[in-house]
Structure formats: structure tokens, C-alpha cells
């Protein structure tokens, strides 16, 4: 449907994407056939959150190494003021994202703000793109992008390292790179 709608209106571009759960073993919860149909796959942990640093890091590394993963979503799973994030080796995760051309999400929900702003500079040093995503579960949630922009600014994110700042042509080039990994 997305492809048909995209082709039917030359004035706009539509892209398809999904947030896929990273299972306990690091696999994504959709089949490769489904993932291959999508433009963007955000891989995130949503269950089995009680992990030590080694298990959590290895789980994320497996997902990052999956050729369908475009963006690593909320890398620690934290919920500010209610749930501490699972411990991860941030440098290993960021280095793996650099090696596998995986963008890292700055989840803009005021309850998450994950990736923590303190890791933005290191990610930029590794030439990783970051994507500010509102984690909107309703139309009103789109406005949470504001909090992500604030966190990104605090961390010194440049427009050159921010996927959201890409124009359509740059974004399509990034998508081509993502599809070449598969």
C-alpha cells in the first residue's frame, strides 16, 4: 500500500518502516522476508530487560550486525524517573554501529531521552548518524520531538550527523546504503 500511494502522488514521498523488537537472543522479531520489504528498520529492546552488561551488550550487538537494522532504537531502554536502563558498553555499541552503518536513535520521549546526550560526541567522532525520534503513540506525541532536539543540542549534535536534517535526496542515498547491506 505504501509503495502504491507513494507512486500515485509525485508531490510527496512516502517511506515504509517498522520498529522491530530485539529478541533475547539478538534476533529481530520479523522474518527477513518482511524486513526486506521495508525502507527503514528500527531495532529496539522491549522485553526481558533484566540483563547484566555482557548480556545486554551482546544482545544489541547481534541486532546491530543484522543487515536489516537501519537504526538502533533507545539503546538502554531507560524510562526516566521509573526504570533504570539496562547496562551496556556504550563504546562497543557505538563502535559496532559505525562498523555496520547503523544510525542511533535519540528517543525524544521525555520519559526516555535515550541515547543519553553524553554519548552524542563520541558517536559523531565515529561518523555515526543520529536520528531524533518522538516515540509518538498518538498525534500529540509528535510534539515530543522538542525534547529530543534539546538533548541533541546539549550533546552538540551537528546537522551533518542528524538523519532528520537530510533532504529527500540525501535520505534516499542513505536508504540505498542501507539496502546495499542486505
Protein backbone atom coordinates (compact mmCIF):
# COMPACT_ATOMS: atom_id res chain seq x y z
CA UNK A 1 0.00 0.00 0.00
CA UNK A 2 2.76 2.45 0.90
CA UNK A 3 4.52 1.85 -2.42
CA UNK A 4 1.27 2.33 -4.38
CA UNK A 5 0.41 5.50 -2.50
CA UNK A 6 3.95 6.82 -2.97
CA UNK A 7 3.77 6.23 -6.72
CA UNK A 8 0.30 7.76 -7.02
CA UNK A 9 1.34 11.21 -5.78
CA UNK A 10 4.50 12.72 -7.29
CA UNK A 11 4.36 15.71 -4.92
CA UNK A 12 5.25 13.72 -1.80
CA UNK A 13 7.49 10.80 -0.90
CA UNK A 14 6.37 8.03 1.43
CA UNK A 15 8.72 5.53 3.00
CA UNK A 16 7.92 2.35 4.90
CA UNK A 17 9.40 1.37 8.22
CA UNK A 18 8.86 -0.53 11.41
CA UNK A 19 10.18 -0.79 14.93
CA UNK A 20 11.24 -4.39 15.37
CA UNK A 21 11.77 -5.93 18.78
CA UNK A 22 15.22 -7.30 19.56
CA UNK A 23 14.54 -10.74 20.99
CA UNK A 24 16.53 -12.17 23.90
CA UNK A 25 18.98 -13.88 21.52
CA UNK A 26 19.52 -10.69 19.48
CA UNK A 27 17.34 -11.72 16.53
CA UNK A 28 14.66 -9.34 15.24
CA UNK A 29 11.03 -10.35 15.69
CA UNK A 30 10.10 -10.19 12.00
CA UNK A 31 11.20 -12.55 9.25
CA UNK A 32 13.80 -11.43 6.74
CA UNK A 33 11.08 -11.54 4.05
CA UNK A 34 9.06 -8.91 5.92
CA UNK A 35 12.09 -6.78 6.78
CA UNK A 36 13.27 -6.84 3.15
CA UNK A 37 10.06 -5.05 2.09
CA UNK A 38 10.73 -2.06 4.36
CA UNK A 39 12.80 1.04 3.81
CA UNK A 40 13.78 1.51 7.46
CA UNK A 41 14.01 -0.94 10.36
CA UNK A 42 14.44 0.42 13.88
CA UNK A 43 15.65 -2.34 16.20
CA UNK A 44 14.80 -1.89 19.89
CA UNK A 45 14.59 -3.97 23.06
CA UNK A 46 11.11 -4.07 24.63
CA UNK A 47 11.13 -7.22 26.78
CA UNK A 48 13.41 -9.25 29.05
CA UNK A 49 15.05 -6.07 30.30
CA UNK A 50 16.79 -7.55 33.35
CA UNK A 51 20.22 -8.19 31.89
CA UNK A 52 23.78 -7.72 33.00
CA UNK A 53 26.08 -5.59 30.87
CA UNK A 54 27.55 -8.51 28.92
CA UNK A 55 24.17 -9.99 28.00
CA UNK A 56 22.64 -6.60 27.12
CA UNK A 57 25.66 -5.58 25.05
CA UNK A 58 25.75 -8.90 23.18
CA UNK A 59 22.01 -8.70 22.51
CA UNK A 60 22.36 -5.24 20.99
CA UNK A 61 25.49 -6.22 19.05
CA UNK A 62 23.65 -9.13 17.42
CA UNK A 63 20.86 -6.78 16.31
CA UNK A 64 23.32 -4.15 15.08
CA UNK A 65 25.06 -6.81 12.97
CA UNK A 66 21.74 -7.82 11.40
CA UNK A 67 21.90 -6.39 7.86
CA UNK A 68 18.26 -5.25 8.06
CA UNK A 69 18.85 -2.98 11.06
CA UNK A 70 18.90 0.66 9.94
CA UNK A 71 18.56 2.38 13.32
CA UNK A 72 19.24 1.21 16.87
CA UNK A 73 16.32 2.45 18.98
CA UNK A 74 16.52 3.65 22.60
CA UNK A 75 19.74 1.76 23.31
CA UNK A 76 19.39 1.38 27.10
CA UNK A 77 15.62 1.02 27.45
CA UNK A 78 15.53 3.50 30.30
CA UNK A 79 12.38 5.25 31.49
CA UNK A 80 13.44 8.35 33.38
CA UNK A 81 12.24 8.50 36.99
CA UNK A 82 10.77 4.98 36.81
CA UNK A 83 13.16 2.44 35.27
CA UNK A 84 16.92 2.48 35.07
CA UNK A 85 18.25 1.39 31.72
CA UNK A 86 19.97 -1.94 31.33
CA UNK A 87 23.75 -1.57 31.48
CA UNK A 88 25.55 -1.58 28.13
CA UNK A 89 29.09 -0.97 26.97
CA UNK A 90 28.33 2.25 25.11
CA UNK A 91 31.67 2.35 23.30
CA UNK A 92 31.24 -1.19 21.97
CA UNK A 93 27.69 -0.41 20.86
CA UNK A 94 28.66 2.84 19.15
CA UNK A 95 31.72 1.25 17.53
CA UNK A 96 29.54 -1.60 16.21
CA UNK A 97 27.04 0.91 14.80
CA UNK A 98 29.92 2.61 12.99
CA UNK A 99 31.20 -0.70 11.61
CA UNK A 100 27.72 -1.75 10.42
CA UNK A 101 26.42 1.63 9.18
CA UNK A 102 23.63 1.70 11.76
CA UNK A 103 22.15 5.01 12.85
CA UNK A 104 21.43 5.53 16.57
CA UNK A 105 18.14 6.90 17.80
CA UNK A 106 17.82 9.74 20.24
CA UNK A 107 14.42 8.80 21.57
CA UNK A 108 12.72 12.13 22.24
CA UNK A 109 10.10 10.91 24.67
CA UNK A 110 10.58 12.99 27.84
CA UNK A 111 10.42 9.66 29.69
CA UNK A 112 13.36 8.20 27.72
CA UNK A 113 15.80 10.71 26.16
CA UNK A 114 17.85 7.68 25.17
CA UNK A 115 20.65 7.78 23.71
CA UNK A 116 21.89 9.87 26.62
CA UNK A 117 23.25 13.21 25.39
CA UNK A 118 26.69 12.46 26.90
CA UNK A 119 27.34 9.87 24.15
CA UNK A 120 26.48 12.10 21.18
CA UNK A 121 30.00 13.49 20.76
CA UNK A 122 31.54 10.01 20.76
CA UNK A 123 29.00 8.86 18.17
CA UNK A 124 29.83 11.85 15.96
CA UNK A 125 33.56 11.13 16.32
CA UNK A 126 32.79 7.68 14.90
CA UNK A 127 30.84 9.24 11.98
CA UNK A 128 27.55 7.76 13.10
CA UNK A 129 24.27 9.34 12.13
CA UNK A 130 21.78 10.02 14.88
CA UNK A 131 18.03 10.22 14.40
CA UNK A 132 15.75 12.18 16.72
CA UNK A 133 12.51 10.22 17.01
CA UNK A 134 9.49 11.32 19.08
CA UNK A 135 8.35 7.79 20.08
CA UNK A 136 4.85 9.08 19.34
CA UNK A 137 2.00 6.76 20.15
CA UNK A 138 -0.55 9.46 19.32
CA UNK A 139 -0.71 12.59 17.18
CA UNK A 140 0.05 14.72 20.24
CA UNK A 141 3.23 12.72 20.85
CA UNK A 142 4.82 14.19 17.71
CA UNK A 143 5.49 17.35 19.73
CA UNK A 144 7.92 15.39 21.94
CA UNK A 145 10.47 15.88 19.16
CA UNK A 146 11.22 19.14 21.00
CA UNK A 147 12.79 17.24 23.91
CA UNK A 148 14.95 15.21 21.57
CA UNK A 149 16.17 18.35 19.82
CA UNK A 150 17.06 19.83 23.23
CA UNK A 151 19.01 16.69 24.19
CA UNK A 152 20.73 16.66 20.79
CA UNK A 153 21.73 20.31 21.14
CA UNK A 154 23.02 19.68 24.64
CA UNK A 155 25.18 16.89 23.25
CA UNK A 156 26.41 19.08 20.39
CA UNK A 157 24.76 17.17 17.54
CA UNK A 158 25.51 18.80 14.20
CA UNK A 159 23.10 18.87 11.29
CA UNK A 160 25.59 16.79 9.31
CA UNK A 161 25.26 13.95 11.81
CA UNK A 162 21.46 14.18 12.14
CA UNK A 163 19.40 11.99 9.84
CA UNK A 164 16.39 14.26 10.39
CA UNK A 165 18.27 17.16 8.79
CA UNK A 166 18.75 15.30 5.50
CA UNK A 167 16.84 16.47 2.46
CA UNK A 168 14.93 13.87 0.45
CA UNK A 169 17.82 13.17 -1.91
CA UNK A 170 20.28 12.67 0.96
CA UNK A 171 17.78 10.44 2.76
CA UNK A 172 17.27 8.33 -0.37
CA UNK A 173 21.06 7.96 -0.71
CA UNK A 174 21.19 6.77 2.91
CA UNK A 175 18.41 4.27 2.14
CA UNK A 176 20.41 2.94 -0.81
CA UNK A 177 23.38 2.39 1.52
CA UNK A 178 21.09 0.60 3.96
CA UNK A 179 19.71 -1.69 1.26
CA UNK A 180 23.21 -2.49 -0.01
CA UNK A 181 23.97 -4.06 3.40
CA UNK A 182 21.29 -6.70 2.84
